[in-house]
């Protein structure tokens, strides 16, 4: 078997029994054997850092939500408190404006099992690096144009869509003393190939397949 990368669930365990980006989904991913998970953070108009992928849910635009709306969604502090001791956290920041609150939350309840604050938005990462030089940051990339920026930003992690990753890229990232995570990897062959190339983490919707493929249990 190749060296085992960090096994991470994409928005928690994706099943028909629990909703993504919920505390239940994160707990289920942990039960499946994942060492951590990726989740999305957005900011409401009332200043709550809620866990939510889409900009509009239940007919409500998250950025315009009042204090009385979307109250059933978990917030960043809930995840840090419940999982910070036992899971690697990939905290994806979906929008600008979260810097101050995010830095404060991480200072008050720092994850003990490792974490990265990731984003598609370079300006978000630059702001966070200015606010705190101790927060590990990661650039998420879905095309080659975005990927070309990784060497110019204050990053510790490069997080490309898996089809962008080559063995040469993995070597370049490691030579620059940075880590590389792949998303979203949902088939066994790709999981094995990326692990063989030496990626540091694999993010997947199929948590049980990921664990079975890269951390098989003995008979």
Protein backbone atom coordinates (compact mmCIF):
# COMPACT_ATOMS: atom_id res chain seq x y z
CA UNK A 1 0.00 0.00 0.00
CA UNK A 2 1.16 3.58 -0.65
CA UNK A 3 1.74 6.00 2.19
CA UNK A 4 -1.65 6.93 3.63
CA UNK A 5 -2.65 10.58 3.20
CA UNK A 6 -4.99 12.40 5.55
CA UNK A 7 -8.51 11.09 4.88
CA UNK A 8 -11.04 13.93 4.88
CA UNK A 9 -14.81 13.99 4.34
CA UNK A 10 -16.27 16.57 1.94
CA UNK A 11 -18.85 18.51 3.99
CA UNK A 12 -18.98 15.53 6.32
CA UNK A 13 -20.34 12.10 5.42
CA UNK A 14 -22.61 12.38 2.38
CA UNK A 15 -25.48 9.97 2.94
CA UNK A 16 -29.25 9.92 2.59
CA UNK A 17 -29.63 9.79 6.38
CA UNK A 18 -27.89 13.04 7.35
CA UNK A 19 -27.60 16.46 5.74
CA UNK A 20 -24.20 17.72 4.59
CA UNK A 21 -22.40 20.41 6.59
CA UNK A 22 -24.08 19.42 9.83
CA UNK A 23 -22.70 18.23 13.15
CA UNK A 24 -24.33 14.86 12.47
CA UNK A 25 -22.54 14.55 9.12
CA UNK A 26 -19.20 15.40 10.72
CA UNK A 27 -19.73 12.86 13.49
CA UNK A 28 -20.68 10.17 10.96
CA UNK A 29 -17.53 10.83 8.92
CA UNK A 30 -15.54 10.32 12.11
CA UNK A 31 -17.37 7.05 12.74
CA UNK A 32 -16.52 5.92 9.20
CA UNK A 33 -12.84 6.38 10.02
CA UNK A 34 -12.02 9.71 8.43
CA UNK A 35 -9.41 11.75 10.29
CA UNK A 36 -11.18 15.02 9.59
CA UNK A 37 -13.50 16.87 7.26
CA UNK A 38 -13.96 19.93 5.08
CA UNK A 39 -16.81 22.34 5.75
CA UNK A 40 -18.05 25.71 4.46
CA UNK A 41 -18.47 28.95 6.38
CA UNK A 42 -20.62 31.92 5.34
CA UNK A 43 -21.52 35.16 7.09
CA UNK A 44 -25.07 36.28 7.78
CA UNK A 45 -26.18 39.91 7.94
CA UNK A 46 -26.51 39.49 11.70
CA UNK A 47 -22.84 38.49 11.97
CA UNK A 48 -23.19 34.74 12.51
CA UNK A 49 -20.54 32.48 10.92
CA UNK A 50 -22.83 29.65 9.84
CA UNK A 51 -21.89 26.34 8.27
CA UNK A 52 -23.45 26.42 4.82
CA UNK A 53 -22.29 25.77 1.25
CA UNK A 54 -24.88 27.54 -0.89
CA UNK A 55 -25.34 31.34 -0.90
CA UNK A 56 -29.12 30.90 -0.69
CA UNK A 57 -30.97 28.28 1.39
CA UNK A 58 -34.63 27.81 2.26
CA UNK A 59 -35.38 30.80 0.02
CA UNK A 60 -33.14 33.02 2.17
CA UNK A 61 -29.96 34.72 0.98
CA UNK A 62 -27.42 33.87 3.66
CA UNK A 63 -25.65 37.24 3.44
CA UNK A 64 -28.98 38.99 4.15
CA UNK A 65 -30.21 36.66 6.90
CA UNK A 66 -31.32 38.25 10.16
CA UNK A 67 -30.69 36.94 13.66
CA UNK A 68 -34.07 35.19 13.60
CA UNK A 69 -33.35 33.33 10.36
CA UNK A 70 -31.29 30.18 9.72
CA UNK A 71 -30.98 29.62 13.46
CA UNK A 72 -30.98 25.84 12.98
CA UNK A 73 -27.68 25.94 11.11
CA UNK A 74 -24.53 25.16 13.12
CA UNK A 75 -22.00 27.94 13.58
CA UNK A 76 -18.22 27.88 13.43
CA UNK A 77 -17.86 27.85 17.21
CA UNK A 78 -20.02 24.69 17.41
CA UNK A 79 -17.67 22.80 15.11
CA UNK A 80 -14.52 23.97 16.90
CA UNK A 81 -15.94 23.03 20.29
CA UNK A 82 -17.24 19.59 19.28
CA UNK A 83 -14.54 18.39 16.87
CA UNK A 84 -11.41 20.45 17.48
CA UNK A 85 -9.93 17.82 19.78
CA UNK A 86 -10.41 14.81 17.49
CA UNK A 87 -10.54 15.87 13.83
CA UNK A 88 -8.44 17.73 11.29
CA UNK A 89 -10.57 20.67 10.17
CA UNK A 90 -10.51 22.12 6.65
CA UNK A 91 -12.38 25.39 7.21
CA UNK A 92 -13.43 26.74 3.80
CA UNK A 93 -14.23 30.45 3.86
CA UNK A 94 -16.80 31.13 1.13
CA UNK A 95 -17.05 34.92 1.43
CA UNK A 96 -15.05 37.98 2.52
CA UNK A 97 -15.77 39.63 5.86
CA UNK A 98 -15.12 36.70 8.18
CA UNK A 99 -11.50 37.52 9.02
CA UNK A 100 -11.87 39.13 12.43
CA UNK A 101 -14.44 36.64 13.72
CA UNK A 102 -12.52 33.65 12.39
CA UNK A 103 -9.23 34.72 13.95
CA UNK A 104 -10.94 35.32 17.29
CA UNK A 105 -12.71 31.95 17.23
CA UNK A 106 -9.46 30.12 16.47
CA UNK A 107 -7.67 31.93 19.29
CA UNK A 108 -10.39 31.07 21.78
CA UNK A 109 -10.78 27.43 20.73
CA UNK A 110 -7.78 26.31 18.61
CA UNK A 111 -8.17 22.91 16.92
CA UNK A 112 -5.78 20.45 18.56
CA UNK A 113 -5.75 17.87 15.77
CA UNK A 114 -4.64 20.22 13.01
CA UNK A 115 -6.48 22.53 10.64
CA UNK A 116 -6.27 24.69 7.55
CA UNK A 117 -8.33 27.73 6.60
CA UNK A 118 -8.95 27.41 2.87
CA UNK A 119 -10.62 29.52 0.21
CA UNK A 120 -11.00 30.05 -3.52
CA UNK A 121 -10.54 33.77 -2.80
CA UNK A 122 -6.91 34.97 -2.70
CA UNK A 123 -7.91 38.26 -1.04
CA UNK A 124 -9.44 36.34 1.87
CA UNK A 125 -6.19 34.45 2.38
CA UNK A 126 -4.09 37.60 2.16
CA UNK A 127 -6.28 39.35 4.75
CA UNK A 128 -6.02 36.39 7.12
CA UNK A 129 -2.25 36.26 6.76
CA UNK A 130 -2.09 39.93 7.73
CA UNK A 131 -4.40 39.44 10.71
CA UNK A 132 -2.52 36.40 11.99
CA UNK A 133 0.69 34.90 10.71
CA UNK A 134 0.06 31.68 12.64
CA UNK A 135 -3.05 30.47 10.78
CA UNK A 136 -2.28 27.77 8.18
CA UNK A 137 -3.83 28.82 4.88
CA UNK A 138 -4.76 26.93 1.72
CA UNK A 139 -5.72 27.99 -1.79
CA UNK A 140 -8.51 25.96 -3.41
CA UNK A 141 -8.18 25.69 -7.19
CA UNK A 142 -10.60 24.43 -9.83
CA UNK A 143 -8.70 25.48 -12.97
CA UNK A 144 -5.14 26.00 -14.15
CA UNK A 145 -5.36 29.79 -13.93
CA UNK A 146 -6.14 29.64 -10.22
CA UNK A 147 -3.52 26.97 -9.64
CA UNK A 148 -0.75 29.15 -11.07
CA UNK A 149 -1.14 31.53 -8.10
CA UNK A 150 -0.10 29.08 -5.41
CA UNK A 151 3.56 30.10 -5.39
CA UNK A 152 2.74 33.82 -4.99
CA UNK A 153 0.43 33.62 -1.97
CA UNK A 154 1.15 33.18 1.78
CA UNK A 155 0.11 29.52 1.85
CA UNK A 156 0.95 26.33 3.64
CA UNK A 157 -1.51 24.21 1.60
CA UNK A 158 -2.38 23.88 -2.09
CA UNK A 159 -5.82 22.31 -2.65
CA UNK A 160 -6.52 21.62 -6.34
CA UNK A 161 -9.39 19.78 -7.94
CA UNK A 162 -7.98 16.28 -8.38
CA UNK A 163 -7.85 16.40 -12.20
CA UNK A 164 -5.31 19.25 -11.97
CA UNK A 165 -2.84 17.21 -9.93
CA UNK A 166 0.18 15.60 -11.53
CA UNK A 167 3.06 13.79 -9.93
CA UNK A 168 5.28 16.71 -10.92
CA UNK A 169 2.97 19.18 -9.15
CA UNK A 170 3.10 17.11 -5.96
CA UNK A 171 6.88 17.20 -6.09
CA UNK A 172 6.93 20.98 -6.74
CA UNK A 173 4.63 21.66 -3.80
CA UNK A 174 6.68 19.48 -1.47
CA UNK A 175 9.92 21.05 -2.68
CA UNK A 176 8.43 24.42 -1.68
CA UNK A 177 7.75 22.92 1.79
CA UNK A 178 4.00 23.06 1.39
CA UNK A 179 1.25 20.47 1.59
CA UNK A 180 -1.14 19.36 -1.15
CA UNK A 181 -4.72 18.13 -0.71
CA UNK A 182 -6.91 16.75 -3.53
CA UNK A 183 -10.67 17.27 -3.92
CA UNK A 184 -13.21 15.77 -4.54
CA UNK A 185 -11.98 12.19 -5.08
CA UNK A 186 -14.75 9.63 -5.33
CA UNK A 187 -13.28 6.61 -7.12
CA UNK A 188 -10.88 3.98 -5.86
CA UNK A 189 -8.42 4.18 -8.75
CA UNK A 190 -7.87 7.92 -8.33
CA UNK A 191 -7.56 7.58 -4.55
CA UNK A 192 -4.80 4.99 -4.98
CA UNK A 193 -2.99 6.96 -7.68
CA UNK A 194 -2.92 10.18 -5.66
CA UNK A 195 -1.79 8.34 -2.55
CA UNK A 196 1.00 6.72 -4.56
CA UNK A 197 2.07 10.17 -5.79
CA UNK A 198 2.32 11.34 -2.18
CA UNK A 199 -0.51 13.83 -1.75
CA UNK A 200 -0.92 14.85 1.88
CA UNK A 201 -4.72 14.67 2.02
CA UNK A 202 -7.68 13.40 0.02
CA UNK A 203 -11.14 14.96 0.34
CA UNK A 204 -14.04 12.72 -0.66
CA UNK A 205 -17.82 12.48 -0.68
CA UNK A 206 -17.52 8.71 -0.35
CA UNK A 207 -16.11 8.43 3.13
CA UNK A 208 -16.57 4.69 3.55
CA UNK A 209 -14.91 3.96 0.21
CA UNK A 210 -12.05 6.32 1.06
CA UNK A 211 -11.35 4.61 4.37
CA UNK A 212 -11.78 1.11 2.94
CA UNK A 213 -9.41 1.90 0.06
CA UNK A 214 -6.61 3.62 1.94
CA UNK A 215 -6.94 2.30 5.46
CA UNK A 216 -8.24 -1.26 5.11
CA UNK A 217 -9.06 -3.08 8.30
CA UNK A 218 -7.31 -6.43 8.94
CA UNK A 219 -9.41 -9.58 8.60
